[in-house]
PDB file of all heavy atoms in Angstrom:
ATOM      1  N   ASP A   1      -3.425   1.105   2.665  1.00  0.00           N
ATOM      2  CA  ASP A   1      -3.936   0.295   3.773  1.00  0.00           C
ATOM      3  C   ASP A   1      -4.779   1.117   4.738  1.00  0.00           C
ATOM      4  O   ASP A   1      -5.482   0.562   5.576  1.00  0.00           O
ATOM      5  CB  ASP A   1      -2.784  -0.364   4.528  1.00  0.00           C
ATOM      6  CG  ASP A   1      -1.797   0.649   5.098  1.00  0.00           C
ATOM      7  OD1 ASP A   1      -1.470   1.633   4.396  1.00  0.00           O
ATOM      8  OD2 ASP A   1      -1.344   0.460   6.251  1.00  0.00           O
ATOM      9  N   ASN A   2      -4.730   2.449   4.619  1.00  0.00           N
ATOM     10  CA  ASN A   2      -5.504   3.313   5.508  1.00  0.00           C
ATOM     11  C   ASN A   2      -7.003   3.137   5.269  1.00  0.00           C
ATOM     12  O   ASN A   2      -7.435   2.826   4.151  1.00  0.00           O
ATOM     13  CB  ASN A   2      -5.104   4.777   5.280  1.00  0.00           C
ATOM     14  CG  ASN A   2      -5.706   5.702   6.311  1.00  0.00           C
ATOM     15  OD1 ASN A   2      -6.852   6.132   6.189  1.00  0.00           O
ATOM     16  ND2 ASN A   2      -4.930   6.017   7.332  1.00  0.00           N
ATOM     17  N   ALA A   3      -7.794   3.367   6.317  1.00  0.00           N
ATOM     18  CA  ALA A   3      -9.242   3.198   6.219  1.00  0.00           C
ATOM     19  C   ALA A   3      -9.892   4.170   5.242  1.00  0.00           C
ATOM     20  O   ALA A   3     -11.039   3.960   4.825  1.00  0.00           O
ATOM     21  CB  ALA A   3      -9.869   3.372   7.602  1.00  0.00           C
ATOM     22  N   ALA A   4      -9.177   5.228   4.850  1.00  0.00           N
ATOM     23  CA  ALA A   4      -9.709   6.165   3.855  1.00  0.00           C
ATOM     24  C   ALA A   4      -9.935   5.478   2.510  1.00  0.00           C
ATOM     25  O   ALA A   4     -10.762   5.922   1.713  1.00  0.00           O
ATOM     26  CB  ALA A   4      -8.764   7.347   3.688  1.00  0.00           C
ATOM     27  N   TRP A   5      -9.175   4.392   2.267  1.00  0.00           N
ATOM     28  CA  TRP A   5      -9.331   3.621   1.029  1.00  0.00           C
ATOM     29  C   TRP A   5     -10.184   2.387   1.327  1.00  0.00           C
ATOM     30  O   TRP A   5      -9.815   1.539   2.137  1.00  0.00           O
ATOM     31  CB  TRP A   5      -7.965   3.195   0.490  1.00  0.00           C
ATOM     32  CG  TRP A   5      -7.158   4.351  -0.019  1.00  0.00           C
ATOM     33  CD1 TRP A   5      -6.328   5.151   0.708  1.00  0.00           C
ATOM     34  CD2 TRP A   5      -7.120   4.837  -1.356  1.00  0.00           C
ATOM     35  NE1 TRP A   5      -5.767   6.115  -0.101  1.00  0.00           N
ATOM     36  CE2 TRP A   5      -6.230   5.952  -1.370  1.00  0.00           C
ATOM     37  CE3 TRP A   5      -7.722   4.450  -2.550  1.00  0.00           C
ATOM     38  CZ2 TRP A   5      -5.961   6.670  -2.537  1.00  0.00           C
ATOM     39  CZ3 TRP A   5      -7.460   5.166  -3.712  1.00  0.00           C
ATOM     40  CH2 TRP A   5      -6.583   6.263  -3.692  1.00  0.00           C
ATOM     41  N   THR A   6     -11.332   2.292   0.697  1.00  0.00           N
ATOM     42  CA  THR A   6     -12.217   1.151   0.859  1.00  0.00           C
ATOM     43  C   THR A   6     -11.673  -0.032   0.057  1.00  0.00           C
ATOM     44  O   THR A   6     -11.310   0.121  -1.107  1.00  0.00           O
ATOM     45  CB  THR A   6     -13.636   1.493   0.369  1.00  0.00           C
ATOM     46  OG1 THR A   6     -14.141   2.580   1.154  1.00  0.00           O
ATOM     47  CG2 THR A   6     -14.560   0.300   0.502  1.00  0.00           C
ATOM     48  N   LYS A   7     -11.600  -1.195   0.698  1.00  0.00           N
ATOM     49  CA  LYS A   7     -11.141  -2.409   0.012  1.00  0.00           C
ATOM     50  C   LYS A   7     -12.350  -3.280  -0.322  1.00  0.00           C
ATOM     51  O   LYS A   7     -13.137  -3.614   0.562  1.00  0.00           O
ATOM     52  CB  LYS A   7     -10.166  -3.213   0.874  1.00  0.00           C
ATOM     53  CG  LYS A   7      -8.825  -2.512   1.098  1.00  0.00           C
ATOM     54  CD  LYS A   7      -8.932  -1.434   2.148  1.00  0.00           C
ATOM     55  CE  LYS A   7      -7.597  -0.822   2.490  1.00  0.00           C
ATOM     56  NZ  LYS A   7      -7.742   0.336   3.397  1.00  0.00           N
ATOM     57  N   SER A   8     -12.486  -3.610  -1.580  1.00  0.00           N
ATOM     58  CA  SER A   8     -13.578  -4.465  -2.034  1.00  0.00           C
ATOM     59  C   SER A   8     -12.995  -5.752  -2.597  1.00  0.00           C
ATOM     60  O   SER A   8     -12.319  -5.739  -3.631  1.00  0.00           O
ATOM     61  CB  SER A   8     -14.398  -3.736  -3.108  1.00  0.00           C
ATOM     62  OG  SER A   8     -15.431  -4.564  -3.591  1.00  0.00           O
ATOM     63  N   ASN A   9     -13.196  -6.838  -1.884  1.00  0.00           N
ATOM     64  CA  ASN A   9     -12.653  -8.146  -2.287  1.00  0.00           C
ATOM     65  C   ASN A   9     -11.136  -8.089  -2.486  1.00  0.00           C
ATOM     66  O   ASN A   9     -10.587  -8.682  -3.414  1.00  0.00           O
ATOM     67  CB  ASN A   9     -13.335  -8.651  -3.563  1.00  0.00           C
ATOM     68  CG  ASN A   9     -14.838  -8.749  -3.414  1.00  0.00           C
ATOM     69  OD1 ASN A   9     -15.336  -9.334  -2.457  1.00  0.00           O
ATOM     70  ND2 ASN A   9     -15.567  -8.154  -4.342  1.00  0.00           N
ATOM     71  N   SER A  10     -10.485  -7.341  -1.614  1.00  0.00           N
ATOM     72  CA  SER A  10      -9.028  -7.206  -1.693  1.00  0.00           C
ATOM     73  C   SER A  10      -8.465  -6.870  -0.316  1.00  0.00           C
ATOM     74  O   SER A  10      -9.193  -6.426   0.577  1.00  0.00           O
ATOM     75  CB  SER A  10      -8.636  -6.102  -2.682  1.00  0.00           C
ATOM     76  OG  SER A  10      -9.012  -4.830  -2.183  1.00  0.00           O
ATOM     77  N   THR A  11      -7.187  -7.115  -0.156  1.00  0.00           N
ATOM     78  CA  THR A  11      -6.463  -6.701   1.039  1.00  0.00           C
ATOM     79  C   THR A  11      -5.240  -5.908   0.597  1.00  0.00           C
ATOM     80  O   THR A  11      -4.812  -5.996  -0.553  1.00  0.00           O
ATOM     81  CB  THR A  11      -6.015  -7.905   1.888  1.00  0.00           C
ATOM     82  OG1 THR A  11      -5.154  -8.736   1.095  1.00  0.00           O
ATOM     83  CG2 THR A  11      -7.209  -8.722   2.362  1.00  0.00           C
ATOM     84  N   ILE A  12      -4.673  -5.135   1.515  1.00  0.00           N
ATOM     85  CA  ILE A  12      -3.503  -4.325   1.214  1.00  0.00           C
ATOM     86  C   ILE A  12      -2.341  -4.752   2.100  1.00  0.00           C
ATOM     87  O   ILE A  12      -2.474  -4.817   3.323  1.00  0.00           O
ATOM     88  CB  ILE A  12      -3.777  -2.825   1.436  1.00  0.00           C
ATOM     89  CG1 ILE A  12      -4.929  -2.347   0.545  1.00  0.00           C
ATOM     90  CG2 ILE A  12      -2.514  -2.010   1.179  1.00  0.00           C
ATOM     91  CD1 ILE A  12      -4.631  -2.347  -0.932  1.00  0.00           C
ATOM     92  N   THR A  13      -1.207  -5.042   1.492  1.00  0.00           N
ATOM     93  CA  THR A  13       0.031  -5.291   2.220  1.00  0.00           C
ATOM     94  C   THR A  13       0.852  -4.014   2.174  1.00  0.00           C
ATOM     95  O   THR A  13       1.270  -3.579   1.094  1.00  0.00           O
ATOM     96  CB  THR A  13       0.836  -6.441   1.592  1.00  0.00           C
ATOM     97  OG1 THR A  13       0.027  -7.616   1.576  1.00  0.00           O
ATOM     98  CG2 THR A  13       2.109  -6.706   2.384  1.00  0.00           C
ATOM     99  N   ALA A  14       1.038  -3.373   3.324  1.00  0.00           N
ATOM    100  CA  ALA A  14       1.725  -2.083   3.375  1.00  0.00           C
ATOM    101  C   ALA A  14       3.229  -2.246   3.208  1.00  0.00           C
ATOM    102  O   ALA A  14       3.810  -3.254   3.633  1.00  0.00           O
ATOM    103  CB  ALA A  14       1.419  -1.382   4.695  1.00  0.00           C
ATOM    104  N   ASN A  15       3.838  -1.229   2.582  1.00  0.00           N
ATOM    105  CA  ASN A  15       5.300  -1.148   2.463  1.00  0.00           C
ATOM    106  C   ASN A  15       5.896  -2.447   1.926  1.00  0.00           C
ATOM    107  O   ASN A  15       6.812  -3.026   2.491  1.00  0.00           O
ATOM    108  CB  ASN A  15       5.918  -0.791   3.815  1.00  0.00           C
ATOM    109  CG  ASN A  15       5.335   0.493   4.376  1.00  0.00           C
ATOM    110  OD1 ASN A  15       5.012   1.414   3.630  1.00  0.00           O
ATOM    111  ND2 ASN A  15       5.179   0.553   5.684  1.00  0.00           N
ATOM    112  N   ALA A  16       5.356  -2.879   0.791  1.00  0.00           N
ATOM    113  CA  ALA A  16       5.724  -4.172   0.224  1.00  0.00           C
ATOM    114  C   ALA A  16       6.772  -4.080  -0.880  1.00  0.00           C
ATOM    115  O   ALA A  16       7.285  -5.111  -1.322  1.00  0.00           O
ATOM    116  CB  ALA A  16       4.479  -4.865  -0.330  1.00  0.00           C
ATOM    117  N   ALA A  17       7.100  -2.873  -1.332  1.00  0.00           N
ATOM    118  CA  ALA A  17       8.058  -2.723  -2.434  1.00  0.00           C
ATOM    119  C   ALA A  17       8.669  -1.325  -2.399  1.00  0.00           C
ATOM    120  O   ALA A  17       8.123  -0.403  -1.768  1.00  0.00           O
ATOM    121  CB  ALA A  17       7.379  -2.964  -3.777  1.00  0.00           C
ATOM    122  N   VAL A  18       9.772  -1.169  -3.094  1.00  0.00           N
ATOM    123  CA  VAL A  18      10.425   0.136  -3.212  1.00  0.00           C
ATOM    124  C   VAL A  18       9.613   0.993  -4.183  1.00  0.00           C
ATOM    125  O   VAL A  18       9.301   0.567  -5.296  1.00  0.00           O
ATOM    126  CB  VAL A  18      11.871  -0.010  -3.716  1.00  0.00           C
ATOM    127  CG1 VAL A  18      12.508   1.358  -3.941  1.00  0.00           C
ATOM    128  CG2 VAL A  18      12.695  -0.815  -2.717  1.00  0.00           C
ATOM    129  N   SER A  19       9.260   2.186  -3.746  1.00  0.00           N
ATOM    130  CA  SER A  19       8.403   3.080  -4.521  1.00  0.00           C
ATOM    131  C   SER A  19       9.226   3.967  -5.459  1.00  0.00           C
ATOM    132  O   SER A  19      10.464   3.949  -5.420  1.00  0.00           O
ATOM    133  CB  SER A  19       7.596   3.955  -3.562  1.00  0.00           C
ATOM    134  OG  SER A  19       8.440   4.927  -2.979  1.00  0.00           O
ATOM    135  N   PRO A  20       8.565   4.781  -6.282  1.00  0.00           N
ATOM    136  CA  PRO A  20       9.292   5.691  -7.181  1.00  0.00           C
ATOM    137  C   PRO A  20      10.122   6.761  -6.471  1.00  0.00           C
ATOM    138  O   PRO A  20      10.900   7.457  -7.125  1.00  0.00           O
ATOM    139  CB  PRO A  20       8.173   6.333  -8.011  1.00  0.00           C
ATOM    140  CG  PRO A  20       7.096   5.307  -8.032  1.00  0.00           C
ATOM    141  CD  PRO A  20       7.132   4.711  -6.652  1.00  0.00           C
ATOM    142  N   ASN A  21       9.971   6.911  -5.154  1.00  0.00           N
ATOM    143  CA  ASN A  21      10.833   7.875  -4.443  1.00  0.00           C
ATOM    144  C   ASN A  21      12.026   7.191  -3.766  1.00  0.00           C
ATOM    145  O   ASN A  21      12.784   7.837  -3.034  1.00  0.00           O
ATOM    146  CB  ASN A  21      10.031   8.701  -3.433  1.00  0.00           C
ATOM    147  CG  ASN A  21       9.571   7.896  -2.224  1.00  0.00           C
ATOM    148  OD1 ASN A  21       9.883   6.714  -2.085  1.00  0.00           O
ATOM    149  ND2 ASN A  21       8.825   8.536  -1.347  1.00  0.00           N
ATOM    150  N   GLY A  22      12.189   5.884  -4.005  1.00  0.00           N
ATOM    151  CA  GLY A  22      13.349   5.164  -3.500  1.00  0.00           C
ATOM    152  C   GLY A  22      13.194   4.592  -2.110  1.00  0.00           C
ATOM    153  O   GLY A  22      14.116   3.951  -1.606  1.00  0.00           O
ATOM    154  N   THR A  23      12.044   4.793  -1.470  1.00  0.00           N
ATOM    155  CA  THR A  23      11.805   4.242  -0.141  1.00  0.00           C
ATOM    156  C   THR A  23      10.896   3.020  -0.244  1.00  0.00           C
ATOM    157  O   THR A  23      10.161   2.860  -1.223  1.00  0.00           O
ATOM    158  CB  THR A  23      11.145   5.271   0.792  1.00  0.00           C
ATOM    159  OG1 THR A  23       9.828   5.575   0.292  1.00  0.00           O
ATOM    160  CG2 THR A  23      11.975   6.542   0.865  1.00  0.00           C
ATOM    161  N   THR A  24      10.912   2.171   0.766  1.00  0.00           N
ATOM    162  CA  THR A  24      10.035   1.002   0.782  1.00  0.00           C
ATOM    163  C   THR A  24       8.679   1.428   1.322  1.00  0.00           C
ATOM    164  O   THR A  24       8.336   1.188   2.487  1.00  0.00           O
ATOM    165  CB  THR A  24      10.641  -0.133   1.627  1.00  0.00           C
ATOM    166  OG1 THR A  24      11.960  -0.410   1.146  1.00  0.00           O
ATOM    167  CG2 THR A  24       9.802  -1.406   1.528  1.00  0.00           C
ATOM    168  N   SER A  25       7.908   2.087   0.464  1.00  0.00           N
ATOM    169  CA  SER A  25       6.625   2.643   0.884  1.00  0.00           C
ATOM    170  C   SER A  25       5.486   2.299  -0.062  1.00  0.00           C
ATOM    171  O   SER A  25       4.357   2.744   0.138  1.00  0.00           O
ATOM    172  CB  SER A  25       6.733   4.172   1.008  1.00  0.00           C
ATOM    173  OG  SER A  25       7.149   4.753  -0.221  1.00  0.00           O
ATOM    174  N   ALA A  26       5.764   1.497  -1.096  1.00  0.00           N
ATOM    175  CA  ALA A  26       4.699   1.093  -2.011  1.00  0.00           C
ATOM    176  C   ALA A  26       3.905  -0.055  -1.401  1.00  0.00           C
ATOM    177  O   ALA A  26       4.464  -0.943  -0.755  1.00  0.00           O
ATOM    178  CB  ALA A  26       5.288   0.658  -3.347  1.00  0.00           C
TER     179      ALA A  26
END
């Protein structure tokens, strides 16, 4: 979701799922 990543015809929902490290950061 950071501005470093350009979104083209898409949006980002932050912290939407449990990641491979076990935290809700995917």
